Amino acid sequence: MTPLSPTHHLTGGRPTPTSAFPSMLHERPQLLALSEELLMMVVEYLDYPDLIVLAAANWQLTRIIYSTPAL
């Protein structure tokens, strides 16, 4: 049985092998850089890094990365 990644729930409950995340990041470096930039823009806009908002933004960006086809 393939172990699940800590973020397998972000794929709609479908099992995600632990190797999928590093592979995904390798295939989508531009998207990862964009997601980090967007996250920093949220922090700067808030002018206070509220952990709840950061966690929600990070979760949403992770969902975008997982649902976007390889560039």
N, C-alpha and C. Protein backbone atom coordinates (compact mmCIF):
# COMPACT_ATOMS: atom_id res chain seq x y z
N MET A 1 0.84 -1.18 0.00
CA MET A 1 0.00 0.00 0.00
C MET A 1 0.89 1.24 0.00
N THR A 2 0.56 2.21 -0.83
CA THR A 2 1.35 3.44 -0.93
C THR A 2 1.01 4.37 0.23
N PRO A 3 2.03 4.89 0.94
CA PRO A 3 1.74 5.82 2.04
C PRO A 3 1.16 7.12 1.49
N LEU A 4 0.32 7.76 2.29
CA LEU A 4 -0.30 9.01 1.89
C LEU A 4 0.54 10.20 2.34
N SER A 5 0.48 11.26 1.57
CA SER A 5 1.18 12.48 1.97
C SER A 5 0.36 13.19 3.03
N PRO A 6 0.99 14.11 3.79
CA PRO A 6 0.25 14.86 4.80
C PRO A 6 -0.85 15.73 4.19
N THR A 7 -0.78 15.99 2.91
CA THR A 7 -1.75 16.88 2.27
C THR A 7 -2.70 16.12 1.35
N HIS A 8 -2.86 14.79 1.55
CA HIS A 8 -3.70 14.01 0.64
C HIS A 8 -5.15 14.48 0.66
N HIS A 9 -5.59 15.10 1.76
CA HIS A 9 -6.97 15.58 1.83
C HIS A 9 -7.22 16.74 0.87
N LEU A 10 -6.16 17.39 0.38
CA LEU A 10 -6.32 18.51 -0.54
C LEU A 10 -6.66 18.04 -1.95
N THR A 11 -6.57 16.77 -2.21
CA THR A 11 -6.87 16.24 -3.54
C THR A 11 -8.28 15.68 -3.60
N GLY A 12 -9.13 16.13 -2.71
CA GLY A 12 -10.50 15.65 -2.72
C GLY A 12 -10.66 14.26 -2.15
N GLY A 13 -9.72 13.85 -1.30
CA GLY A 13 -9.79 12.55 -0.67
C GLY A 13 -9.11 11.45 -1.46
N ARG A 14 -8.66 11.77 -2.68
CA ARG A 14 -7.96 10.74 -3.46
C ARG A 14 -6.59 10.50 -2.83
N PRO A 15 -6.16 9.26 -2.72
CA PRO A 15 -4.83 8.98 -2.17
C PRO A 15 -3.74 9.64 -3.02
N THR A 16 -2.79 10.23 -2.36
CA THR A 16 -1.67 10.88 -3.04
C THR A 16 -0.38 10.29 -2.50
N PRO A 17 0.42 9.64 -3.33
CA PRO A 17 1.69 9.10 -2.85
C PRO A 17 2.59 10.21 -2.31
N THR A 18 3.40 9.88 -1.31
CA THR A 18 4.28 10.90 -0.72
C THR A 18 5.26 11.44 -1.74
N SER A 19 5.56 10.69 -2.79
CA SER A 19 6.49 11.15 -3.81
C SER A 19 5.87 12.18 -4.74
N ALA A 20 4.56 12.36 -4.72
CA ALA A 20 3.91 13.28 -5.65
C ALA A 20 4.26 14.73 -5.36
N PHE A 21 4.40 15.09 -4.09
CA PHE A 21 4.65 16.50 -3.76
C PHE A 21 6.00 16.98 -4.27
N PRO A 22 7.12 16.30 -3.97
CA PRO A 22 8.41 16.76 -4.52
C PRO A 22 8.41 16.76 -6.05
N SER A 23 7.79 15.76 -6.66
CA SER A 23 7.72 15.69 -8.12
C SER A 23 6.94 16.88 -8.66
N MET A 24 5.84 17.19 -8.01
CA MET A 24 5.00 18.29 -8.44
C MET A 24 5.77 19.61 -8.38
N LEU A 25 6.52 19.81 -7.31
CA LEU A 25 7.28 21.05 -7.16
C LEU A 25 8.38 21.13 -8.22
N HIS A 26 8.96 20.00 -8.54
CA HIS A 26 10.00 19.98 -9.56
C HIS A 26 9.43 20.33 -10.93
N GLU A 27 8.21 19.87 -11.20
CA GLU A 27 7.58 20.11 -12.50
C GLU A 27 6.97 21.50 -12.61
N ARG A 28 6.70 22.15 -11.49
CA ARG A 28 6.00 23.44 -11.52
C ARG A 28 6.75 24.52 -10.73
N PRO A 29 8.02 24.76 -11.01
CA PRO A 29 8.74 25.76 -10.22
C PRO A 29 8.19 27.17 -10.37
N GLN A 30 7.67 27.52 -11.57
CA GLN A 30 7.12 28.86 -11.76
C GLN A 30 5.86 29.04 -10.90
N LEU A 31 5.03 28.02 -10.84
CA LEU A 31 3.81 28.10 -10.06
C LEU A 31 4.13 28.19 -8.57
N LEU A 32 5.12 27.44 -8.12
CA LEU A 32 5.52 27.50 -6.72
C LEU A 32 6.04 28.89 -6.38
N ALA A 33 6.87 29.47 -7.24
CA ALA A 33 7.39 30.81 -7.00
C ALA A 33 6.26 31.82 -6.96
N LEU A 34 5.29 31.68 -7.85
CA LEU A 34 4.14 32.58 -7.87
C LEU A 34 3.33 32.45 -6.60
N SER A 35 3.12 31.22 -6.13
CA SER A 35 2.33 31.02 -4.91
C SER A 35 3.02 31.63 -3.70
N GLU A 36 4.36 31.52 -3.64
CA GLU A 36 5.10 32.14 -2.54
C GLU A 36 4.99 33.66 -2.60
N GLU A 37 5.06 34.20 -3.82
CA GLU A 37 4.95 35.65 -3.99
C GLU A 37 3.56 36.14 -3.58
N LEU A 38 2.52 35.40 -3.98
CA LEU A 38 1.16 35.77 -3.60
C LEU A 38 0.97 35.72 -2.09
N LEU A 39 1.54 34.70 -1.46
CA LEU A 39 1.43 34.58 -0.02
C LEU A 39 2.09 35.77 0.68
N MET A 40 3.24 36.20 0.18
CA MET A 40 3.93 37.35 0.77
C MET A 40 3.13 38.63 0.54
N MET A 41 2.44 38.73 -0.59
CA MET A 41 1.60 39.90 -0.84
C MET A 41 0.45 39.96 0.16
N VAL A 42 -0.10 38.80 0.50
CA VAL A 42 -1.16 38.76 1.51
C VAL A 42 -0.63 39.25 2.85
N VAL A 43 0.56 38.79 3.23
CA VAL A 43 1.17 39.19 4.49
C VAL A 43 1.40 40.70 4.51
N GLU A 44 1.95 41.24 3.42
CA GLU A 44 2.22 42.68 3.36
C GLU A 44 0.93 43.48 3.38
N TYR A 45 -0.11 43.00 2.70
CA TYR A 45 -1.39 43.70 2.67
C TYR A 45 -2.00 43.76 4.07
N LEU A 46 -1.91 42.67 4.80
CA LEU A 46 -2.47 42.63 6.14
C LEU A 46 -1.68 43.50 7.11
N ASP A 47 -0.39 43.67 6.81
CA ASP A 47 0.53 44.41 7.68
C ASP A 47 0.64 43.77 9.06
N TYR A 48 0.11 42.59 9.21
CA TYR A 48 0.23 41.81 10.43
C TYR A 48 0.01 40.35 10.06
N PRO A 49 1.01 39.51 10.21
CA PRO A 49 0.89 38.11 9.76
C PRO A 49 -0.03 37.28 10.64
N ASP A 50 -1.32 37.43 10.45
CA ASP A 50 -2.30 36.66 11.19
C ASP A 50 -2.17 35.19 10.78
N LEU A 51 -1.87 34.34 11.73
CA LEU A 51 -1.60 32.94 11.43
C LEU A 51 -2.78 32.21 10.80
N ILE A 52 -3.98 32.56 11.20
CA ILE A 52 -5.15 31.89 10.63
C ILE A 52 -5.29 32.24 9.15
N VAL A 53 -5.10 33.51 8.81
CA VAL A 53 -5.20 33.93 7.42
C VAL A 53 -4.07 33.32 6.60
N LEU A 54 -2.86 33.27 7.18
CA LEU A 54 -1.74 32.67 6.47
C LEU A 54 -1.98 31.19 6.21
N ALA A 55 -2.49 30.49 7.19
CA ALA A 55 -2.76 29.07 7.02
C ALA A 55 -3.82 28.85 5.93
N ALA A 56 -4.85 29.68 5.92
CA ALA A 56 -5.90 29.55 4.90
C ALA A 56 -5.34 29.86 3.51
N ALA A 57 -4.53 30.90 3.40
CA ALA A 57 -3.94 31.25 2.10
C ALA A 57 -3.01 30.15 1.63
N ASN A 58 -2.20 29.61 2.51
CA ASN A 58 -1.28 28.54 2.15
C ASN A 58 -2.05 27.30 1.70
N TRP A 59 -3.13 26.97 2.41
CA TRP A 59 -3.95 25.82 2.04
C TRP A 59 -4.55 26.02 0.65
N GLN A 60 -5.06 27.22 0.38
CA GLN A 60 -5.67 27.48 -0.93
C GLN A 60 -4.62 27.43 -2.03
N LEU A 61 -3.44 27.97 -1.80
CA LEU A 61 -2.38 27.94 -2.80
C LEU A 61 -1.92 26.51 -3.07
N THR A 62 -1.87 25.70 -2.03
CA THR A 62 -1.51 24.29 -2.22
C THR A 62 -2.54 23.59 -3.08
N ARG A 63 -3.83 23.90 -2.87
CA ARG A 63 -4.88 23.32 -3.71
C ARG A 63 -4.71 23.75 -5.16
N ILE A 64 -4.34 25.00 -5.39
CA ILE A 64 -4.13 25.49 -6.76
C ILE A 64 -2.99 24.72 -7.42
N ILE A 65 -1.90 24.54 -6.69
CA ILE A 65 -0.75 23.82 -7.25
C ILE A 65 -1.14 22.40 -7.60
N TYR A 66 -1.86 21.73 -6.71
CA TYR A 66 -2.25 20.34 -6.96
C TYR A 66 -3.22 20.22 -8.13
N SER A 67 -4.08 21.22 -8.34
CA SER A 67 -5.10 21.10 -9.38
C SER A 67 -4.66 21.66 -10.73
N THR A 68 -3.48 22.27 -10.81
CA THR A 68 -3.00 22.86 -12.05
C THR A 68 -2.15 21.85 -12.81
N PRO A 69 -2.42 21.65 -14.10
CA PRO A 69 -1.58 20.74 -14.88
C PRO A 69 -0.14 21.25 -14.95
N ALA A 70 0.78 20.35 -15.17
CA ALA A 70 2.20 20.73 -15.29
C ALA A 70 2.36 21.77 -16.37
N LEU A 71 3.22 22.75 -16.11
CA LEU A 71 3.44 23.83 -17.09
C LEU A 71 4.32 23.36 -18.22
